[in-house]
């Protein structure tokens, strides 16, 4: 007879959120579902005391702070959680360096994944191309993202709409249609 530990509700939820995040990045353009609506599960799944975080939402910032994470400005953050993406934010997001491209940040943004700009995504993890719709971002967001990055340097983008999640890794090319 073997004994298996039973995960708590918190462990099951954070494991499901982590799984959704990893699949969102592995298969860009394919929607994933978080266990519950909102960014709080992403904080629970990704953030710990080794992370530096910037949050626009004070409640989310407090949740990140309780993990032991250091709260910093956007240009110093490993993870940036925003509900309103400003035009200047992309100039502040860390892209890593030639020696350490992995120092690029992850931008987590609240968006509308049912209306808005139509985008064609191509790159690793995408068979051919995929068309998605993303609203709630400045009109020149994707152009600014393209200008800010020089692969392999860059940053990852997680777009959240309620329970739905869309990952756009730095290796993904985005064309506004």
N, C-alpha and C. Protein backbone atom coordinates (compact mmCIF):
# COMPACT_ATOMS: atom_id res chain seq x y z
N UNK A 1 0.85 -1.18 0.00
CA UNK A 1 0.00 0.00 0.00
C UNK A 1 0.89 1.24 0.00
N UNK A 2 0.64 2.13 -0.92
CA UNK A 2 1.43 3.35 -0.97
C UNK A 2 0.61 4.51 -0.42
N UNK A 3 1.33 5.44 0.14
CA UNK A 3 0.69 6.61 0.73
C UNK A 3 1.09 7.82 -0.10
N UNK A 4 0.11 8.61 -0.50
CA UNK A 4 0.35 9.80 -1.29
C UNK A 4 -0.17 11.02 -0.54
N UNK A 5 0.63 12.06 -0.48
CA UNK A 5 0.13 13.27 0.20
C UNK A 5 -1.02 13.88 -0.60
N UNK A 6 -1.98 14.40 0.11
CA UNK A 6 -3.11 15.05 -0.53
C UNK A 6 -2.85 16.56 -0.49
N UNK A 7 -2.82 17.20 -1.67
CA UNK A 7 -2.55 18.64 -1.67
C UNK A 7 -3.71 19.41 -1.03
N UNK A 8 -3.35 20.49 -0.37
CA UNK A 8 -4.37 21.37 0.18
C UNK A 8 -5.06 22.11 -0.96
N UNK A 9 -6.15 22.80 -0.66
CA UNK A 9 -6.85 23.58 -1.68
C UNK A 9 -5.92 24.66 -2.25
N UNK A 10 -5.13 25.30 -1.37
CA UNK A 10 -4.18 26.32 -1.81
C UNK A 10 -3.14 25.72 -2.76
N UNK A 11 -2.58 24.56 -2.40
CA UNK A 11 -1.57 23.92 -3.25
C UNK A 11 -2.16 23.52 -4.61
N UNK A 12 -3.36 22.98 -4.59
CA UNK A 12 -4.00 22.57 -5.84
C UNK A 12 -4.25 23.78 -6.74
N UNK A 13 -4.72 24.90 -6.14
CA UNK A 13 -5.00 26.10 -6.92
C UNK A 13 -3.71 26.70 -7.49
N UNK A 14 -2.66 26.82 -6.66
CA UNK A 14 -1.42 27.42 -7.16
C UNK A 14 -0.73 26.51 -8.19
N UNK A 15 -0.83 25.20 -8.01
CA UNK A 15 -0.28 24.28 -9.01
C UNK A 15 -1.02 24.42 -10.34
N UNK A 16 -2.35 24.54 -10.27
CA UNK A 16 -3.15 24.71 -11.50
C UNK A 16 -2.82 26.04 -12.17
N UNK A 17 -2.63 27.10 -11.38
CA UNK A 17 -2.28 28.40 -11.93
C UNK A 17 -0.89 28.35 -12.58
N UNK A 18 0.08 27.73 -11.90
CA UNK A 18 1.42 27.60 -12.45
C UNK A 18 1.39 26.82 -13.76
N UNK A 19 0.62 25.75 -13.79
CA UNK A 19 0.48 24.94 -14.99
C UNK A 19 -0.09 25.77 -16.14
N UNK A 20 -1.12 26.56 -15.86
CA UNK A 20 -1.72 27.42 -16.89
C UNK A 20 -0.71 28.44 -17.42
N UNK A 21 0.08 29.02 -16.53
CA UNK A 21 1.09 30.01 -16.92
C UNK A 21 2.15 29.36 -17.82
N UNK A 22 2.65 28.20 -17.42
CA UNK A 22 3.68 27.53 -18.22
C UNK A 22 3.15 27.14 -19.60
N UNK A 23 1.91 26.62 -19.66
CA UNK A 23 1.33 26.26 -20.95
C UNK A 23 1.06 27.50 -21.80
N UNK A 24 0.68 28.60 -21.16
CA UNK A 24 0.44 29.84 -21.91
C UNK A 24 1.72 30.31 -22.60
N UNK A 25 2.85 30.16 -21.93
CA UNK A 25 4.12 30.55 -22.55
C UNK A 25 4.61 29.50 -23.56
N UNK A 26 4.32 28.23 -23.30
CA UNK A 26 4.77 27.16 -24.21
C UNK A 26 4.00 27.16 -25.52
N UNK A 27 2.74 27.59 -25.47
CA UNK A 27 1.88 27.64 -26.65
C UNK A 27 1.27 29.03 -26.78
N UNK A 28 2.09 30.01 -27.19
CA UNK A 28 1.60 31.38 -27.29
C UNK A 28 0.36 31.48 -28.19
N UNK A 29 -0.58 32.30 -27.78
CA UNK A 29 -1.78 32.51 -28.57
C UNK A 29 -2.93 31.59 -28.22
N UNK A 30 -2.66 30.53 -27.48
CA UNK A 30 -3.73 29.64 -27.04
C UNK A 30 -4.14 30.03 -25.63
N UNK A 31 -5.43 30.33 -25.47
CA UNK A 31 -5.94 30.75 -24.17
C UNK A 31 -5.85 29.61 -23.17
N UNK A 32 -5.53 29.96 -21.97
CA UNK A 32 -5.53 29.02 -20.84
C UNK A 32 -6.48 29.57 -19.79
N UNK A 33 -6.98 28.71 -18.95
CA UNK A 33 -7.87 29.14 -17.87
C UNK A 33 -7.17 29.03 -16.53
N UNK A 34 -7.23 30.11 -15.77
CA UNK A 34 -6.76 30.09 -14.39
C UNK A 34 -7.86 29.47 -13.54
N UNK A 35 -7.53 28.94 -12.36
CA UNK A 35 -8.55 28.35 -11.50
C UNK A 35 -9.61 29.36 -11.06
N UNK A 36 -9.23 30.61 -10.91
CA UNK A 36 -10.15 31.67 -10.51
C UNK A 36 -9.80 32.93 -11.29
N UNK A 37 -10.69 33.90 -11.28
CA UNK A 37 -10.45 35.15 -12.00
C UNK A 37 -9.44 36.02 -11.25
N UNK A 38 -8.65 36.77 -12.01
CA UNK A 38 -7.76 37.76 -11.43
C UNK A 38 -6.30 37.37 -11.40
N UNK A 39 -5.48 38.34 -11.00
CA UNK A 39 -4.02 38.16 -10.98
C UNK A 39 -3.49 37.58 -9.68
N UNK A 40 -4.32 37.47 -8.68
CA UNK A 40 -3.83 37.02 -7.37
C UNK A 40 -3.22 35.62 -7.44
N UNK A 41 -3.80 34.74 -8.27
CA UNK A 41 -3.24 33.39 -8.38
C UNK A 41 -1.87 33.39 -9.03
N UNK A 42 -1.63 34.37 -9.91
CA UNK A 42 -0.31 34.47 -10.54
C UNK A 42 0.71 34.87 -9.49
N UNK A 43 0.32 35.78 -8.60
CA UNK A 43 1.20 36.15 -7.48
C UNK A 43 1.48 34.91 -6.64
N UNK A 44 0.44 34.17 -6.28
CA UNK A 44 0.61 32.98 -5.45
C UNK A 44 1.51 31.94 -6.12
N UNK A 45 1.40 31.80 -7.45
CA UNK A 45 2.14 30.77 -8.16
C UNK A 45 3.59 31.15 -8.47
N UNK A 46 3.86 32.44 -8.70
CA UNK A 46 5.19 32.84 -9.18
C UNK A 46 6.05 33.60 -8.19
N UNK A 47 5.44 34.29 -7.25
CA UNK A 47 6.19 35.24 -6.44
C UNK A 47 6.61 34.62 -5.11
N UNK A 48 7.88 34.85 -4.77
CA UNK A 48 8.40 34.44 -3.47
C UNK A 48 9.45 35.46 -3.01
N UNK A 49 10.15 35.14 -1.96
CA UNK A 49 11.08 36.11 -1.36
C UNK A 49 12.30 36.43 -2.22
N UNK A 50 12.50 35.69 -3.29
CA UNK A 50 13.62 35.97 -4.19
C UNK A 50 13.24 36.90 -5.33
N UNK A 51 11.99 37.34 -5.36
CA UNK A 51 11.48 38.16 -6.46
C UNK A 51 11.41 39.63 -6.08
N UNK A 52 11.58 40.47 -7.08
CA UNK A 52 11.28 41.90 -6.94
C UNK A 52 10.04 42.17 -7.77
N UNK A 53 9.11 42.94 -7.19
CA UNK A 53 7.78 43.08 -7.78
C UNK A 53 7.34 44.54 -7.79
N UNK A 54 6.61 44.90 -8.85
CA UNK A 54 5.92 46.18 -8.89
C UNK A 54 4.45 45.88 -9.16
N UNK A 55 3.55 46.43 -8.34
CA UNK A 55 2.10 46.24 -8.51
C UNK A 55 1.41 47.59 -8.47
N UNK A 56 0.53 47.84 -9.44
CA UNK A 56 -0.29 49.04 -9.39
C UNK A 56 -1.39 48.91 -8.34
N UNK A 57 -1.94 47.72 -8.20
CA UNK A 57 -3.05 47.47 -7.28
C UNK A 57 -2.51 47.28 -5.86
N UNK A 58 -2.94 48.11 -4.90
CA UNK A 58 -2.41 48.01 -3.54
C UNK A 58 -2.70 46.67 -2.86
N UNK A 59 -3.85 46.06 -3.14
CA UNK A 59 -4.17 44.76 -2.54
C UNK A 59 -3.25 43.67 -3.07
N UNK A 60 -2.98 43.72 -4.37
CA UNK A 60 -2.07 42.75 -4.97
C UNK A 60 -0.65 42.98 -4.46
N UNK A 61 -0.28 44.24 -4.28
CA UNK A 61 1.05 44.57 -3.74
C UNK A 61 1.20 44.01 -2.33
N UNK A 62 0.16 44.12 -1.53
CA UNK A 62 0.22 43.58 -0.16
C UNK A 62 0.34 42.06 -0.20
N UNK A 63 -0.36 41.42 -1.11
CA UNK A 63 -0.27 39.96 -1.24
C UNK A 63 1.16 39.56 -1.63
N UNK A 64 1.76 40.28 -2.58
CA UNK A 64 3.13 39.99 -2.99
C UNK A 64 4.10 40.26 -1.85
N UNK A 65 3.87 41.31 -1.10
CA UNK A 65 4.73 41.65 0.03
C UNK A 65 4.73 40.53 1.08
N UNK A 66 3.57 39.91 1.30
CA UNK A 66 3.46 38.83 2.29
C UNK A 66 4.27 37.60 1.90
N UNK A 67 4.60 37.45 0.61
CA UNK A 67 5.43 36.32 0.18
C UNK A 67 6.90 36.54 0.53
N UNK A 68 7.23 37.78 0.90
CA UNK A 68 8.62 38.13 1.17
C UNK A 68 9.27 38.86 0.01
N UNK A 69 8.53 39.05 -1.07
CA UNK A 69 9.07 39.75 -2.24
C UNK A 69 9.36 41.20 -1.90
N UNK A 70 10.32 41.76 -2.60
CA UNK A 70 10.68 43.17 -2.43
C UNK A 70 9.87 44.00 -3.41
N UNK A 71 9.23 45.05 -2.92
CA UNK A 71 8.46 45.94 -3.79
C UNK A 71 9.40 47.02 -4.33
N UNK A 72 9.41 47.19 -5.67
CA UNK A 72 10.34 48.09 -6.33
C UNK A 72 9.63 48.87 -7.43
N UNK A 73 10.36 49.78 -8.05
CA UNK A 73 9.83 50.52 -9.20
C UNK A 73 9.81 49.58 -10.42
N UNK A 74 9.05 49.93 -11.46
CA UNK A 74 8.97 49.04 -12.63
C UNK A 74 10.32 48.68 -13.25
N UNK A 75 11.24 49.64 -13.30
CA UNK A 75 12.53 49.35 -13.96
C UNK A 75 13.41 48.37 -13.19
N UNK A 76 13.10 48.13 -11.91
CA UNK A 76 13.88 47.19 -11.11
C UNK A 76 13.15 45.87 -10.86
N UNK A 77 11.94 45.72 -11.38
CA UNK A 77 11.09 44.58 -11.04
C UNK A 77 11.34 43.36 -11.93
N UNK A 78 11.29 42.19 -11.30
CA UNK A 78 11.27 40.92 -12.04
C UNK A 78 9.88 40.69 -12.63
N UNK A 79 8.86 41.09 -11.86
CA UNK A 79 7.46 40.91 -12.25
C UNK A 79 6.73 42.23 -12.06
N UNK A 80 6.00 42.64 -13.09
CA UNK A 80 5.25 43.89 -13.05
C UNK A 80 3.77 43.56 -13.28
N UNK A 81 2.94 43.90 -12.30
CA UNK A 81 1.50 43.64 -12.37
C UNK A 81 0.79 44.98 -12.56
N UNK A 82 0.08 45.12 -13.69
CA UNK A 82 -0.58 46.39 -13.98
C UNK A 82 -2.02 46.15 -14.41
N UNK A 83 -2.87 47.08 -14.02
CA UNK A 83 -4.27 47.07 -14.47
C UNK A 83 -4.47 48.10 -15.56
N UNK A 84 -3.55 49.03 -15.68
CA UNK A 84 -3.62 50.08 -16.70
C UNK A 84 -2.21 50.27 -17.27
N UNK A 85 -2.01 49.85 -18.49
CA UNK A 85 -0.69 49.94 -19.12
C UNK A 85 -0.51 51.33 -19.70
N UNK A 86 0.47 52.06 -19.19
CA UNK A 86 0.76 53.40 -19.72
C UNK A 86 1.69 53.28 -20.93
N UNK A 87 1.69 54.30 -21.74
CA UNK A 87 2.55 54.31 -22.93
C UNK A 87 4.04 54.26 -22.56
N UNK A 88 4.39 54.80 -21.42
CA UNK A 88 5.81 54.85 -21.05
C UNK A 88 6.28 53.60 -20.30
N UNK A 89 5.36 52.74 -19.91
CA UNK A 89 5.75 51.56 -19.12
C UNK A 89 6.76 50.68 -19.84
N UNK A 90 6.57 50.48 -21.15
CA UNK A 90 7.48 49.58 -21.87
C UNK A 90 8.91 50.08 -21.90
N UNK A 91 9.10 51.37 -21.72
CA UNK A 91 10.46 51.92 -21.64
C UNK A 91 11.10 51.60 -20.30
N UNK A 92 10.29 51.21 -19.32
CA UNK A 92 10.79 50.93 -17.98
C UNK A 92 10.99 49.44 -17.71
N UNK A 93 10.38 48.57 -18.52
CA UNK A 93 10.45 47.13 -18.29
C UNK A 93 11.85 46.62 -18.59
N UNK A 94 12.41 45.86 -17.65
CA UNK A 94 13.76 45.30 -17.80
C UNK A 94 13.79 44.27 -18.92
N UNK A 95 14.81 44.36 -19.78
CA UNK A 95 14.98 43.43 -20.90
C UNK A 95 16.19 42.51 -20.74
N UNK A 96 16.87 42.57 -19.61
CA UNK A 96 18.07 41.76 -19.45
C UNK A 96 19.25 42.40 -20.15
N UNK A 97 20.30 41.61 -20.32
CA UNK A 97 21.52 42.11 -20.97
C UNK A 97 22.06 41.02 -21.89
N UNK A 98 23.10 41.36 -22.65
CA UNK A 98 23.70 40.36 -23.53
C UNK A 98 24.21 39.15 -22.73
N UNK A 99 24.80 39.41 -21.57
CA UNK A 99 25.30 38.33 -20.73
C UNK A 99 24.20 37.60 -19.97
N UNK A 100 23.15 38.33 -19.61
CA UNK A 100 22.06 37.74 -18.81
C UNK A 100 20.70 38.14 -19.37
N UNK A 101 20.33 37.58 -20.54
CA UNK A 101 19.02 37.92 -21.09
C UNK A 101 17.88 37.43 -20.20
N UNK A 102 18.18 36.44 -19.35
CA UNK A 102 17.18 35.90 -18.43
C UNK A 102 16.80 36.90 -17.34
N UNK A 103 17.48 38.02 -17.25
CA UNK A 103 17.12 39.06 -16.29
C UNK A 103 15.96 39.93 -16.78
N UNK A 104 15.41 39.61 -17.95
CA UNK A 104 14.24 40.33 -18.44
C UNK A 104 13.04 40.07 -17.54
N UNK A 105 12.15 41.04 -17.45
CA UNK A 105 11.00 40.97 -16.55
C UNK A 105 9.83 40.22 -17.20
N UNK A 106 8.83 39.98 -16.37
CA UNK A 106 7.54 39.47 -16.83
C UNK A 106 6.50 40.54 -16.55
N UNK A 107 5.82 40.99 -17.58
CA UNK A 107 4.77 41.98 -17.46
C UNK A 107 3.43 41.26 -17.45
N UNK A 108 2.67 41.42 -16.37
CA UNK A 108 1.35 40.82 -16.23
C UNK A 108 0.35 41.96 -16.29
N UNK A 109 -0.53 41.94 -17.30
CA UNK A 109 -1.44 43.06 -17.53
C UNK A 109 -2.88 42.59 -17.64
N UNK A 110 -3.77 43.35 -17.02
CA UNK A 110 -5.21 43.12 -17.16
C UNK A 110 -5.63 43.66 -18.53
N UNK A 111 -6.30 42.83 -19.32
CA UNK A 111 -6.70 43.22 -20.67
C UNK A 111 -8.09 42.67 -20.97
N UNK A 112 -8.54 42.95 -22.18
CA UNK A 112 -9.78 42.39 -22.69
C UNK A 112 -9.38 41.46 -23.83
N UNK A 113 -9.61 40.17 -23.66
CA UNK A 113 -9.19 39.20 -24.66
C UNK A 113 -10.32 38.80 -25.61
N UNK A 114 -11.39 39.62 -25.64
CA UNK A 114 -12.49 39.31 -26.56
C UNK A 114 -12.74 40.42 -27.57
N UNK A 115 -12.25 41.63 -27.30
CA UNK A 115 -12.40 42.73 -28.25
C UNK A 115 -11.07 43.47 -28.33
N UNK A 116 -10.93 44.28 -29.37
CA UNK A 116 -9.71 45.08 -29.50
C UNK A 116 -8.96 44.77 -30.76
N UNK A 117 -7.67 45.00 -30.72
CA UNK A 117 -6.82 44.81 -31.91
C UNK A 117 -6.67 43.33 -32.24
N UNK A 118 -6.71 43.03 -33.54
CA UNK A 118 -6.44 41.67 -34.00
C UNK A 118 -4.94 41.55 -34.22
N UNK A 119 -4.37 40.47 -33.67
CA UNK A 119 -2.93 40.26 -33.73
C UNK A 119 -2.62 38.91 -34.35
N UNK A 120 -1.56 38.86 -35.15
CA UNK A 120 -1.05 37.60 -35.67
C UNK A 120 0.23 37.28 -34.89
N UNK A 121 0.25 36.12 -34.25
CA UNK A 121 1.42 35.69 -33.49
C UNK A 121 2.13 34.59 -34.26
N UNK A 122 3.46 34.69 -34.34
CA UNK A 122 4.27 33.65 -34.96
C UNK A 122 5.50 33.44 -34.09
N UNK A 123 6.10 32.27 -34.22
CA UNK A 123 7.33 31.99 -33.49
C UNK A 123 7.29 30.62 -32.83
N UNK A 124 8.28 30.34 -31.99
CA UNK A 124 8.35 29.04 -31.32
C UNK A 124 7.08 28.73 -30.53
N UNK A 125 6.63 27.47 -30.65
CA UNK A 125 5.44 27.03 -29.93
C UNK A 125 4.15 27.27 -30.69
N UNK A 126 4.25 27.89 -31.89
CA UNK A 126 3.07 28.19 -32.70
C UNK A 126 3.23 27.48 -34.04
N UNK A 127 2.26 26.65 -34.39
CA UNK A 127 2.27 25.98 -35.69
C UNK A 127 1.75 26.96 -36.73
N UNK A 128 2.64 27.52 -37.52
CA UNK A 128 2.24 28.52 -38.51
C UNK A 128 2.03 29.86 -37.85
N UNK A 129 0.77 30.24 -37.69
CA UNK A 129 0.45 31.47 -36.97
C UNK A 129 -0.86 31.29 -36.23
N UNK A 130 -1.15 32.22 -35.34
CA UNK A 130 -2.42 32.22 -34.62
C UNK A 130 -2.89 33.67 -34.54
N UNK A 131 -4.20 33.86 -34.69
CA UNK A 131 -4.80 35.19 -34.63
C UNK A 131 -5.52 35.31 -33.30
N UNK A 132 -5.24 36.39 -32.57
CA UNK A 132 -5.90 36.66 -31.29
C UNK A 132 -6.42 38.09 -31.29
N UNK A 133 -7.30 38.38 -30.37
CA UNK A 133 -7.84 39.72 -30.19
C UNK A 133 -7.48 40.18 -28.80
N UNK A 134 -6.87 41.38 -28.70
CA UNK A 134 -6.45 41.91 -27.41
C UNK A 134 -6.85 43.38 -27.32
N UNK A 135 -7.60 43.73 -26.30
CA UNK A 135 -8.00 45.11 -26.05
C UNK A 135 -7.50 45.57 -24.70
N UNK A 136 -7.62 46.87 -24.47
CA UNK A 136 -7.23 47.41 -23.18
C UNK A 136 -5.77 47.82 -23.08
N UNK A 137 -5.06 47.79 -24.21
CA UNK A 137 -3.66 48.22 -24.24
C UNK A 137 -3.56 49.45 -25.12
N UNK A 138 -2.55 50.29 -24.89
CA UNK A 138 -2.36 51.44 -25.78
C UNK A 138 -2.20 50.97 -27.23
N UNK A 139 -2.65 51.78 -28.17
CA UNK A 139 -2.62 51.41 -29.58
C UNK A 139 -1.24 51.04 -30.10
N UNK A 140 -0.20 51.64 -29.54
CA UNK A 140 1.16 51.36 -30.02
C UNK A 140 1.92 50.40 -29.10
N UNK A 141 1.22 49.68 -28.24
CA UNK A 141 1.86 48.76 -27.28
C UNK A 141 2.79 47.78 -27.98
N UNK A 142 2.29 47.11 -29.03
CA UNK A 142 3.08 46.05 -29.67
C UNK A 142 4.26 46.62 -30.44
N UNK A 143 4.10 47.78 -31.03
CA UNK A 143 5.21 48.45 -31.70
C UNK A 143 6.28 48.84 -30.68
N UNK A 144 5.86 49.39 -29.55
CA UNK A 144 6.82 49.76 -28.49
C UNK A 144 7.52 48.53 -27.94
N UNK A 145 6.78 47.43 -27.79
CA UNK A 145 7.39 46.19 -27.31
C UNK A 145 8.48 45.75 -28.29
N UNK A 146 8.16 45.77 -29.58
CA UNK A 146 9.12 45.36 -30.60
C UNK A 146 10.38 46.22 -30.56
N UNK A 147 10.20 47.53 -30.39
CA UNK A 147 11.35 48.44 -30.35
C UNK A 147 12.18 48.26 -29.09
N UNK A 148 11.56 47.85 -28.00
CA UNK A 148 12.27 47.72 -26.72
C UNK A 148 13.14 46.48 -26.65
N UNK A 149 12.82 45.48 -27.47
CA UNK A 149 13.51 44.19 -27.34
C UNK A 149 14.52 43.95 -28.46
N UNK A 150 15.56 43.21 -28.10
CA UNK A 150 16.55 42.72 -29.07
C UNK A 150 16.85 41.28 -28.66
N UNK A 151 16.14 40.33 -29.26
CA UNK A 151 16.23 38.93 -28.87
C UNK A 151 17.68 38.45 -28.85
N UNK A 152 18.13 37.73 -27.82
CA UNK A 152 17.34 37.06 -26.79
C UNK A 152 16.95 37.96 -25.60
N UNK A 153 17.39 39.21 -25.64
CA UNK A 153 16.96 40.10 -24.57
C UNK A 153 15.50 40.47 -24.82
N UNK A 154 14.80 40.73 -23.74
CA UNK A 154 13.39 41.10 -23.87
C UNK A 154 12.64 40.78 -22.59
N UNK A 155 11.34 40.72 -22.71
CA UNK A 155 10.51 40.41 -21.54
C UNK A 155 9.29 39.62 -21.99
N UNK A 156 8.72 38.89 -21.05
CA UNK A 156 7.53 38.11 -21.30
C UNK A 156 6.30 38.93 -20.95
N UNK A 157 5.18 38.62 -21.61
CA UNK A 157 3.92 39.31 -21.35
C UNK A 157 2.86 38.26 -21.04
N UNK A 158 2.18 38.42 -19.92
CA UNK A 158 1.01 37.61 -19.58
C UNK A 158 -0.20 38.53 -19.59
N UNK A 159 -1.18 38.21 -20.41
CA UNK A 159 -2.39 39.01 -20.51
C UNK A 159 -3.51 38.27 -19.79
N UNK A 160 -4.19 38.96 -18.88
CA UNK A 160 -5.21 38.34 -18.04
C UNK A 160 -6.54 39.03 -18.28
N UNK A 161 -7.56 38.22 -18.52
CA UNK A 161 -8.94 38.71 -18.66
C UNK A 161 -9.82 37.78 -17.85
N UNK A 162 -10.11 38.17 -16.61
CA UNK A 162 -10.88 37.29 -15.72
C UNK A 162 -10.10 36.03 -15.45
N UNK A 163 -10.65 34.89 -15.88
CA UNK A 163 -9.95 33.61 -15.70
C UNK A 163 -9.07 33.26 -16.89
N UNK A 164 -9.22 33.99 -17.98
CA UNK A 164 -8.48 33.65 -19.19
C UNK A 164 -7.09 34.26 -19.16
N UNK A 165 -6.15 33.52 -19.72
CA UNK A 165 -4.74 33.89 -19.69
C UNK A 165 -4.14 33.65 -21.07
N UNK A 166 -3.34 34.61 -21.53
CA UNK A 166 -2.65 34.49 -22.81
C UNK A 166 -1.19 34.87 -22.60
N UNK A 167 -0.28 34.00 -23.00
CA UNK A 167 1.15 34.25 -22.85
C UNK A 167 1.77 34.70 -24.15
N UNK A 168 2.65 35.71 -24.06
CA UNK A 168 3.41 36.18 -25.23
C UNK A 168 4.88 36.25 -24.80
N UNK A 169 5.63 35.18 -25.05
CA UNK A 169 7.06 35.21 -24.69
C UNK A 169 7.83 36.17 -25.58
N UNK A 170 9.03 36.50 -25.18
CA UNK A 170 9.88 37.42 -25.95
C UNK A 170 10.20 36.89 -27.33
N UNK A 171 10.16 35.58 -27.51
CA UNK A 171 10.48 34.97 -28.81
C UNK A 171 9.33 35.03 -29.80
N UNK A 172 8.17 35.50 -29.36
CA UNK A 172 6.99 35.58 -30.23
C UNK A 172 6.96 36.90 -30.99
N UNK A 173 6.75 36.81 -32.30
CA UNK A 173 6.59 38.00 -33.14
C UNK A 173 5.11 38.33 -33.19
N UNK A 174 4.81 39.62 -32.96
CA UNK A 174 3.41 40.08 -32.95
C UNK A 174 3.22 41.07 -34.09
N UNK A 175 2.26 40.78 -34.95
CA UNK A 175 1.91 41.68 -36.06
C UNK A 175 0.49 42.17 -35.83
N UNK A 176 0.30 43.48 -35.80
CA UNK A 176 -1.04 44.05 -35.66
C UNK A 176 -1.70 44.03 -37.03
N UNK A 177 -2.88 43.45 -37.10
CA UNK A 177 -3.59 43.31 -38.40
C UNK A 177 -4.52 44.49 -38.63
